[in-house]
Amino acid sequence: MKPSRTLLSSSIIAALGGLLFGFDTVVISGAEQSIQKLWQLSNTQHGLAISAALWGTVLGSLVGYWPADRYGRKQTLIWIGILFLVSAIWSGLAKNVTAFMIARFIGGLGIGISTVASPLYISEISPAHLRGRLAGMFQFNIVFGILLAFLSNFLLKGIGEHAWRWMLAVEAIPALFYTLACLTIPESPRWLIGVRGNTEEALKVLQQVNADYSEAKVAAIAEEISQAAREDTVASGFWTMRHRVPILLAFLIAFFNQLSGINAILYFAPRIFELTGLGAQAALLQSVGIGITNLIFTFVGLYLIDRLGRKTLLIIGSLGYIASLGLCSWAFYSETFSIVPACIFAFIAAHAVGQGAVIWVFISEIFPNQYRATGQSLGSFTHWIFAALLTLFFPRMVTAFPAGTVFAFFCGMMILQLIWVLTMVPETKGVPLEQMQERLGIE
């Protein structure tokens, strides 16, 4: 069954938050050297300026559940666009490093909240059989946004000494489009029923996003959501033993996502390639080869997620991680450096098909309706705090330990992930959100 026009357009618009996320994260790469020279920043000041967005992301992911629950998924998506818009314009016009850091921090808030609200919204409007592909568009747009940022920086780099300002400010164009587009989408029916108790409006939305369903079937879905909302209200709070399974699942999938080394390898690819003697090729391999590989295999993961299922993709990704990281470790120990680029590309492919495609979808599925936003914040915060810590400590790791040891550590973590997936992770493919608690053994 194909998605209705409203369902498809609303999912695409919400997923564009991922495009702004990817663009905002990477666009700084074209401006960071100019910024350091312009304001004569020390290495410490430079690091703080460039990492400002990352710390905004950590905070945004931590508090993102609050506006999503209080004001609604739609209003939160609109404000995400406004945060990106303000950040882009302010960053481009910044007169000093303090103003620049504040502007970038605001953009980071947008990124963090988007990782909560966008997958959450798409999951809540999608029928079970399409939920993986539609929610997975968020990850696809992240990768696509990264490629657009590299392309944009390349096209703007020769326009003069203030090229870096245009590189950052150009994000205002997609941010404005996204903000206006979010005005046209309906509110989540599960939020309307569970928080506002507005069943009448929720029924209208459910009929729009499930155009092929009969009125009776739509009414049955609404009643199921209402029943789940009543049960959630009677149940105790979020941090209870009742929710221990989804809490642990959300924490561990985000924890293992970063302990694969994905962000460290993406951010420090030039350093890794320099260790192999391929330093001259590092920038090309990072911005073009890695980016294209990531995009292609994210699309593959998106195609497979509702066909093979989340657990199967995590198993495939884990095996790919173990093989590629293990070979990287062996290559550095044996000084067989010629295979390292191929191993890195294989690692990126394994991530895109497995964890990359699954993480945001899976977290958005496993919590009861009343606590879905809080659960999404938990998973998102775990992801970003470990991303920040790994980015902080990775340069020291490759200095203090042989590169082969570092890759062996990441490989060992992925062996643990495979064991976890095989023994603890349930399959959520095709399971209606209101039936997920039974699948997870929550009573």
Protein backbone atom coordinates (compact mmCIF):
# COMPACT_ATOMS: atom_id res chain seq x y z
CA MET A 1 0.00 0.00 0.00
CA LYS A 2 1.42 3.36 -1.06
CA PRO A 3 1.55 6.35 1.34
CA SER A 4 -1.10 9.03 0.89
CA ARG A 5 -0.11 12.41 -0.48
CA THR A 6 -0.47 14.04 2.96
CA LEU A 7 1.55 11.33 4.68
CA LEU A 8 4.35 11.47 2.11
CA SER A 9 4.57 15.28 1.94
CA SER A 10 4.41 15.66 5.74
CA SER A 11 7.12 13.02 6.24
CA ILE A 12 9.38 14.61 3.63
CA ILE A 13 8.96 18.06 5.18
CA ALA A 14 9.67 16.80 8.70
CA ALA A 15 12.67 14.83 7.43
CA LEU A 16 14.14 18.04 5.95
CA GLY A 17 15.14 18.83 9.53
CA GLY A 18 17.78 16.16 8.93
CA LEU A 19 19.03 18.01 5.84
CA LEU A 20 19.53 21.18 7.89
CA PHE A 21 21.19 19.05 10.59
CA GLY A 22 23.69 17.57 8.12
CA PHE A 23 24.31 20.89 6.37
CA ASP A 24 24.84 22.82 9.61
CA THR A 25 27.19 20.19 11.02
CA VAL A 26 29.57 20.15 8.06
CA VAL A 27 29.34 23.68 6.62
CA ILE A 28 31.74 24.93 9.29
CA SER A 29 34.54 22.91 7.63
CA GLY A 30 34.79 25.52 4.86
CA ALA A 31 34.92 28.46 7.27
CA GLU A 32 36.96 27.36 10.25
CA GLN A 33 40.43 28.34 8.96
CA SER A 34 39.24 31.79 7.86
CA ILE A 35 37.64 32.36 11.27
CA GLN A 36 40.83 31.46 13.11
CA LYS A 37 42.87 33.88 10.99
CA LEU A 38 40.30 36.71 11.09
CA TRP A 39 39.99 36.82 14.88
CA GLN A 40 43.52 35.49 15.58
CA LEU A 41 42.24 32.70 17.76
CA SER A 42 44.46 30.46 19.84
CA ASN A 43 44.04 26.73 19.41
CA THR A 44 41.88 26.60 22.53
CA GLN A 45 39.69 29.51 21.40
CA HIS A 46 39.42 27.99 17.96
CA GLY A 47 38.35 24.66 19.40
CA LEU A 48 35.71 26.31 21.55
CA ALA A 49 34.36 28.32 18.60
CA ILE A 50 34.11 25.33 16.30
CA SER A 51 32.63 23.04 18.98
CA ALA A 52 29.96 25.56 20.09
CA ALA A 53 27.36 23.96 17.83
CA LEU A 54 28.16 20.50 19.20
CA TRP A 55 27.48 21.56 22.77
CA GLY A 56 24.27 23.24 21.63
CA THR A 57 23.34 19.90 20.12
CA VAL A 58 23.92 18.11 23.43
CA LEU A 59 21.65 20.58 25.25
CA GLY A 60 19.02 20.56 22.49
CA SER A 61 18.78 16.78 22.55
CA LEU A 62 18.44 16.81 26.34
CA VAL A 63 15.54 19.30 26.46
CA GLY A 64 13.93 18.54 23.09
CA TYR A 65 11.19 16.41 24.62
CA TRP A 66 9.75 19.39 26.53
CA PRO A 67 8.50 21.56 23.63
CA ALA A 68 7.47 18.43 21.71
CA ASP A 69 5.20 17.38 24.57
CA ARG A 70 4.06 20.81 25.75
CA TYR A 71 3.48 22.65 22.47
CA GLY A 72 3.17 19.76 20.02
CA ARG A 73 5.32 18.09 17.40
CA LYS A 74 4.35 20.55 14.64
CA GLN A 75 5.12 23.71 16.63
CA THR A 76 8.45 22.23 17.68
CA LEU A 77 9.39 21.52 14.06
CA ILE A 78 8.54 25.12 13.14
CA TRP A 79 10.78 26.47 15.89
CA ILE A 80 13.60 24.17 14.81
CA GLY A 81 13.50 25.92 11.43
CA ILE A 82 13.55 29.32 13.14
CA LEU A 83 16.60 28.31 15.20
CA PHE A 84 18.46 27.27 12.05
CA LEU A 85 17.40 30.49 10.28
CA VAL A 86 18.59 32.74 13.12
CA SER A 87 21.83 30.78 13.47
CA ALA A 88 22.65 30.99 9.75
CA ILE A 89 22.07 34.74 9.45
CA TRP A 90 23.77 35.56 12.76
CA SER A 91 26.80 33.37 11.96
CA GLY A 92 27.24 35.09 8.60
CA LEU A 93 27.04 38.57 10.17
CA ALA A 94 29.01 37.87 13.36
CA LYS A 95 31.40 40.71 14.24
CA ASN A 96 33.40 38.84 16.86
CA VAL A 97 34.04 35.33 18.09
CA THR A 98 31.59 35.60 21.00
CA ALA A 99 28.70 36.48 18.67
CA PHE A 100 29.81 33.69 16.35
CA MET A 101 29.81 31.11 19.14
CA ILE A 102 26.35 32.15 20.32
CA ALA A 103 25.03 31.89 16.77
CA ARG A 104 26.54 28.45 16.26
CA PHE A 105 25.24 27.30 19.66
CA ILE A 106 21.72 28.26 18.56
CA GLY A 107 22.15 26.15 15.42
CA GLY A 108 23.30 23.29 17.61
CA LEU A 109 20.11 23.58 19.65
CA GLY A 110 18.22 23.17 16.37
CA ILE A 111 20.19 20.04 15.52
CA GLY A 112 19.65 18.47 18.93
CA ILE A 113 15.92 19.16 19.01
CA SER A 114 15.53 17.96 15.42
CA THR A 115 16.89 14.54 16.36
CA VAL A 116 14.06 14.34 18.89
CA ALA A 117 11.12 15.90 17.06
CA SER A 118 11.57 14.88 13.41
CA PRO A 119 11.76 11.05 13.77
CA LEU A 120 9.15 11.29 16.53
CA TYR A 121 6.66 13.13 14.33
CA ILE A 122 7.16 10.86 11.31
CA SER A 123 6.77 7.69 13.38
CA GLU A 124 3.56 8.98 14.94
CA ILE A 125 1.85 9.78 11.64
CA SER A 126 3.03 6.68 9.75
CA PRO A 127 1.28 3.29 9.42
CA ALA A 128 3.36 0.42 10.75
CA HIS A 129 4.26 -1.07 7.35
CA LEU A 130 5.78 2.23 6.09
CA ARG A 131 7.19 3.61 9.34
CA GLY A 132 10.79 2.48 8.81
CA ARG A 133 11.18 3.93 5.32
CA LEU A 134 9.44 7.21 6.15
CA ALA A 135 11.22 7.82 9.47
CA GLY A 136 14.47 6.66 7.87
CA MET A 137 14.28 9.62 5.48
CA PHE A 138 15.56 11.73 8.38
CA GLN A 139 18.92 9.90 8.28
CA PHE A 140 19.01 10.02 4.47
CA ASN A 141 18.54 13.79 4.61
CA ILE A 142 21.34 14.14 7.16
CA VAL A 143 23.74 12.49 4.72
CA PHE A 144 22.34 14.46 1.78
CA GLY A 145 22.75 17.69 3.77
CA ILE A 146 26.39 16.83 4.41
CA LEU A 147 27.00 16.45 0.67
CA LEU A 148 25.18 19.72 -0.05
CA ALA A 149 27.36 21.52 2.49
CA PHE A 150 30.55 20.26 0.83
CA LEU A 151 29.22 21.29 -2.58
CA SER A 152 28.06 24.70 -1.33
CA ASN A 153 31.43 25.40 0.29
CA PHE A 154 33.20 24.41 -2.93
CA LEU A 155 31.03 26.74 -5.05
CA LEU A 156 31.38 29.70 -2.69
CA LYS A 157 35.05 29.42 -1.74
CA GLY A 158 36.28 31.71 -4.54
CA ILE A 159 33.95 34.68 -4.12
CA GLY A 160 36.30 36.78 -1.97
CA GLU A 161 37.69 37.25 1.50
CA HIS A 162 34.22 37.08 3.05
CA ALA A 163 33.37 33.78 1.36
CA TRP A 164 33.13 32.07 4.76
CA ARG A 165 30.26 34.38 5.74
CA TRP A 166 28.29 33.37 2.66
CA MET A 167 29.07 29.70 3.32
CA LEU A 168 27.37 29.96 6.71
CA ALA A 169 24.58 32.38 5.77
CA VAL A 170 23.38 30.43 2.72
CA GLU A 171 21.79 27.92 5.09
CA ALA A 172 19.13 30.56 5.74
CA ILE A 173 17.54 29.70 2.37
CA PRO A 174 16.67 26.03 3.13
CA ALA A 175 15.92 26.99 6.76
CA LEU A 176 13.30 29.53 5.64
CA PHE A 177 11.78 27.04 3.18
CA TYR A 178 11.63 24.37 5.87
CA THR A 179 10.01 26.72 8.42
CA LEU A 180 7.30 27.80 5.98
CA ALA A 181 6.71 24.21 4.82
CA CYS A 182 6.19 23.05 8.41
CA LEU A 183 3.23 25.45 8.65
CA THR A 184 1.38 23.26 6.13
CA ILE A 185 1.69 19.88 7.88
CA PRO A 186 -0.90 18.42 10.29
CA GLU A 187 -0.25 17.84 13.98
CA SER A 188 0.58 14.33 15.20
CA PRO A 189 -2.68 12.45 15.92
CA ARG A 190 -1.04 10.65 18.82
CA TRP A 191 -0.11 13.96 20.46
CA LEU A 192 -3.60 15.34 19.81
CA ILE A 193 -5.19 12.37 21.59
CA GLY A 194 -2.60 11.60 24.25
CA VAL A 195 -1.83 15.18 25.37
CA ARG A 196 -4.69 17.37 24.20
CA GLY A 197 -7.49 14.81 24.28
CA ASN A 198 -8.64 16.13 20.90
CA THR A 199 -9.96 12.96 19.29
CA GLU A 200 -12.02 14.84 16.71
CA GLU A 201 -9.02 16.61 15.20
CA ALA A 202 -6.92 13.44 15.46
CA LEU A 203 -9.51 11.53 13.44
CA LYS A 204 -9.23 14.10 10.64
CA VAL A 205 -5.45 13.74 10.58
CA LEU A 206 -5.60 9.94 10.66
CA GLN A 207 -7.98 9.98 7.70
CA GLN A 208 -5.63 12.31 5.79
CA VAL A 209 -2.54 10.20 6.34
CA ASN A 210 -4.41 6.92 5.82
CA ALA A 211 -6.50 7.92 2.81
CA ASP A 212 -7.11 4.28 1.77
CA TYR A 213 -8.53 3.27 5.15
CA SER A 214 -12.26 3.10 5.83
CA GLU A 215 -13.81 5.34 8.47
CA ALA A 216 -14.29 2.30 10.69
CA LYS A 217 -10.62 1.35 10.50
CA VAL A 218 -9.53 4.93 11.21
CA ALA A 219 -11.90 5.03 14.20
CA ALA A 220 -10.43 1.73 15.45
CA ILE A 221 -6.90 3.19 15.25
CA ALA A 222 -8.04 6.28 17.17
CA GLU A 223 -9.64 4.11 19.85
CA GLU A 224 -6.45 2.06 20.16
CA ILE A 225 -4.44 5.26 20.62
CA SER A 226 -6.96 6.51 23.21
CA GLN A 227 -6.82 3.23 25.11
CA ALA A 228 -3.01 3.33 25.14
CA ALA A 229 -3.14 6.94 26.37
CA ARG A 230 -5.42 5.96 29.25
CA GLU A 231 -3.12 3.10 30.22
CA ASP A 232 -0.07 5.40 30.04
CA THR A 233 -1.80 7.93 32.31
CA VAL A 234 -2.54 5.27 34.92
CA ALA A 235 1.00 3.92 34.73
CA SER A 236 3.88 5.38 36.75
CA GLY A 237 6.46 7.86 35.42
CA PHE A 238 9.20 7.50 32.84
CA TRP A 239 12.12 6.49 35.08
CA THR A 240 10.55 3.32 36.42
CA MET A 241 11.22 -0.40 36.18
CA ARG A 242 8.17 -0.63 33.91
CA HIS A 243 10.10 1.18 31.17
CA ARG A 244 13.48 -0.41 31.85
CA VAL A 245 13.49 -2.35 28.55
CA PRO A 246 12.94 0.59 26.15
CA ILE A 247 15.21 2.84 28.27
CA LEU A 248 18.03 0.29 28.07
CA LEU A 249 17.44 -0.31 24.36
CA ALA A 250 17.49 3.44 23.57
CA PHE A 251 20.64 3.99 25.63
CA LEU A 252 22.54 1.04 24.20
CA ILE A 253 21.72 1.62 20.53
CA ALA A 254 22.95 5.23 20.88
CA PHE A 255 25.97 4.14 22.96
CA PHE A 256 27.07 1.50 20.44
CA ASN A 257 26.40 3.91 17.56
CA GLN A 258 29.19 6.17 18.77
CA LEU A 259 31.46 3.42 20.13
CA SER A 260 31.75 2.13 16.57
CA GLY A 261 33.99 5.16 16.06
CA ILE A 262 31.81 6.62 13.31
CA ASN A 263 32.05 10.28 14.30
CA ALA A 264 35.73 10.01 15.13
CA ILE A 265 36.44 8.48 11.73
CA LEU A 266 34.30 11.04 9.88
CA TYR A 267 35.77 14.02 11.72
CA PHE A 268 39.38 12.81 11.72
CA ALA A 269 39.61 11.01 8.37
CA PRO A 270 42.52 13.21 7.22
CA ARG A 271 44.47 12.33 10.36
CA ILE A 272 43.77 8.61 9.81
CA PHE A 273 44.85 8.75 6.17
CA GLU A 274 47.98 10.69 7.11
CA LEU A 275 48.94 7.78 9.36
CA THR A 276 48.91 5.56 6.26
CA GLY A 277 51.00 7.94 4.17
CA LEU A 278 48.00 9.01 2.08
CA GLY A 279 47.75 12.52 3.53
CA ALA A 280 47.60 14.23 0.14
CA GLN A 281 44.44 12.33 -0.73
CA ALA A 282 42.74 12.83 2.64
CA ALA A 283 40.52 15.82 1.83
CA LEU A 284 39.20 14.22 -1.38
CA LEU A 285 38.57 10.88 0.30
CA GLN A 286 36.73 12.52 3.18
CA SER A 287 34.55 15.03 1.37
CA VAL A 288 33.80 13.11 -1.82
CA GLY A 289 34.48 9.38 -1.45
CA ILE A 290 33.18 9.00 2.10
CA GLY A 291 30.23 11.31 1.45
CA ILE A 292 29.09 9.47 -1.68
CA THR A 293 29.54 6.06 -0.05
CA ASN A 294 27.48 7.21 2.92
CA LEU A 295 24.68 8.52 0.70
CA ILE A 296 24.46 5.42 -1.51
CA PHE A 297 24.37 2.93 1.34
CA THR A 298 21.99 5.06 3.42
CA PHE A 299 19.60 4.75 0.49
CA VAL A 300 20.16 0.96 0.53
CA GLY A 301 19.36 0.88 4.26
CA LEU A 302 16.24 2.95 3.66
CA TYR A 303 15.10 0.50 0.98
CA LEU A 304 15.67 -2.53 3.22
CA ILE A 305 14.49 -1.33 6.64
CA ASP A 306 10.81 -2.28 6.19
CA ARG A 307 11.69 -5.35 4.12
CA LEU A 308 14.35 -7.06 6.23
CA GLY A 309 13.61 -5.31 9.52
CA ARG A 310 15.56 -3.26 12.04
CA LYS A 311 17.22 -6.18 13.84
CA THR A 312 18.43 -7.78 10.61
CA LEU A 313 20.01 -4.51 9.44
CA LEU A 314 21.74 -4.12 12.81
CA ILE A 315 23.17 -7.63 12.46
CA ILE A 316 24.38 -6.92 8.90
CA GLY A 317 25.88 -3.62 10.02
CA SER A 318 27.58 -5.23 13.02
CA LEU A 319 29.23 -7.89 10.85
CA GLY A 320 30.40 -5.18 8.44
CA TYR A 321 31.77 -3.12 11.31
CA ILE A 322 33.67 -6.08 12.75
CA ALA A 323 35.19 -7.05 9.40
CA SER A 324 36.20 -3.52 8.34
CA LEU A 325 37.50 -2.38 11.74
CA GLY A 326 39.29 -5.67 12.30
CA LEU A 327 41.02 -5.39 8.91
CA CYS A 328 41.93 -1.75 9.66
CA SER A 329 43.54 -2.82 12.92
CA TRP A 330 45.46 -5.59 11.17
CA ALA A 331 46.52 -3.20 8.39
CA PHE A 332 48.07 -0.76 10.86
CA TYR A 333 49.81 -3.49 12.86
CA SER A 334 51.18 -5.17 9.72
CA GLU A 335 51.76 -1.83 7.91
CA THR A 336 49.60 -3.02 5.00
CA PHE A 337 48.39 0.54 4.53
CA SER A 338 47.11 0.08 0.99
CA ILE A 339 43.89 -1.56 2.20
CA VAL A 340 42.99 1.14 4.74
CA PRO A 341 40.97 3.40 2.37
CA ALA A 342 38.89 0.42 1.19
CA CYS A 343 38.32 -0.64 4.80
CA ILE A 344 37.19 2.88 5.74
CA PHE A 345 34.71 2.93 2.85
CA ALA A 346 33.45 -0.53 3.88
CA PHE A 347 33.07 0.75 7.44
CA ILE A 348 31.01 3.74 6.22
CA ALA A 349 28.83 1.40 4.12
CA ALA A 350 28.25 -0.91 7.12
CA HIS A 351 27.26 2.05 9.27
CA ALA A 352 24.90 3.51 6.65
CA VAL A 353 23.05 0.21 6.13
CA GLY A 354 22.95 -0.72 9.82
CA GLN A 355 23.11 1.76 12.69
CA GLY A 356 22.76 4.84 10.49
CA ALA A 357 19.50 3.67 8.95
CA VAL A 358 18.05 2.17 12.13
CA ILE A 359 18.91 4.33 15.16
CA TRP A 360 16.43 7.21 14.85
CA VAL A 361 13.64 4.93 13.63
CA PHE A 362 14.14 2.37 16.39
CA ILE A 363 14.25 4.88 19.25
CA SER A 364 11.08 6.56 17.97
CA GLU A 365 9.22 3.22 18.01
CA ILE A 366 9.93 1.60 21.34
CA PHE A 367 8.39 3.96 23.92
CA PRO A 368 4.71 4.32 24.91
CA ASN A 369 2.96 7.32 23.33
CA GLN A 370 3.02 9.40 26.52
CA TYR A 371 6.78 8.97 26.96
CA ARG A 372 7.91 8.80 23.34
CA ALA A 373 9.32 12.34 23.28
CA THR A 374 11.17 11.76 26.57
CA GLY A 375 12.54 8.48 25.28
CA GLN A 376 13.62 10.09 22.03
CA SER A 377 15.46 12.76 24.05
CA LEU A 378 17.19 10.06 26.10
CA GLY A 379 18.45 8.26 22.99
CA SER A 380 19.41 11.50 21.25
CA PHE A 381 21.23 12.88 24.30
CA THR A 382 23.14 9.61 24.75
CA HIS A 383 24.16 9.75 21.08
CA TRP A 384 25.39 13.35 21.26
CA ILE A 385 27.16 13.23 24.61
CA PHE A 386 29.20 10.22 23.49
CA ALA A 387 29.82 11.92 20.13
CA ALA A 388 31.19 14.95 21.97
CA LEU A 389 33.34 12.87 24.31
CA LEU A 390 34.70 10.71 21.50
CA THR A 391 35.51 13.78 19.39
CA LEU A 392 37.30 15.27 22.40
CA PHE A 393 39.39 12.22 23.24
CA PHE A 394 40.05 10.61 19.83
CA PRO A 395 43.12 12.77 18.97
CA ARG A 396 44.64 11.79 22.32
CA MET A 397 43.79 8.13 21.72
CA VAL A 398 45.68 7.96 18.42
CA THR A 399 48.62 9.76 20.06
CA ALA A 400 48.72 7.62 23.21
CA PHE A 401 48.03 4.26 21.52
CA PRO A 402 49.00 2.67 18.21
CA ALA A 403 46.32 3.18 15.54
CA GLY A 404 45.89 -0.59 15.32
CA THR A 405 44.96 -0.70 19.02
CA VAL A 406 42.37 2.09 18.59
CA PHE A 407 40.69 0.25 15.70
CA ALA A 408 40.86 -3.01 17.65
CA PHE A 409 39.01 -1.28 20.52
CA PHE A 410 36.23 -0.13 18.20
CA CYS A 411 36.09 -3.62 16.68
CA GLY A 412 35.73 -5.15 20.15
CA MET A 413 32.85 -2.80 20.93
CA MET A 414 31.11 -3.91 17.75
CA ILE A 415 31.49 -7.55 18.77
CA LEU A 416 29.65 -6.60 21.96
CA GLN A 417 27.02 -4.83 19.86
CA LEU A 418 26.46 -7.95 17.77
CA ILE A 419 25.98 -10.04 20.92
CA TRP A 420 23.53 -7.43 22.25
CA VAL A 421 21.54 -7.34 19.01
CA LEU A 422 21.33 -11.13 18.79
CA THR A 423 20.28 -11.62 22.41
CA MET A 424 18.29 -8.54 23.45
CA VAL A 425 17.02 -6.47 20.51
CA PRO A 426 13.41 -7.20 19.43
CA GLU A 427 12.20 -6.81 15.85
CA THR A 428 9.87 -3.80 15.54
CA LYS A 429 9.13 -4.02 11.81
CA GLY A 430 5.42 -3.77 11.07
CA VAL A 431 4.35 -3.55 14.73
CA PRO A 432 1.78 -0.78 15.45
CA LEU A 433 3.11 1.68 18.03
CA GLU A 434 0.30 0.89 20.46
CA GLN A 435 1.24 -2.83 20.38
CA MET A 436 4.95 -2.22 20.88
CA GLN A 437 4.75 -2.49 24.69
CA GLU A 438 3.50 -6.06 24.39
CA ARG A 439 6.34 -6.87 21.98
CA LEU A 440 8.84 -5.48 24.51
CA GLY A 441 7.26 -7.34 27.40
CA ILE A 442 5.96 -4.22 29.16
CA GLU A 443 2.87 -4.91 31.24
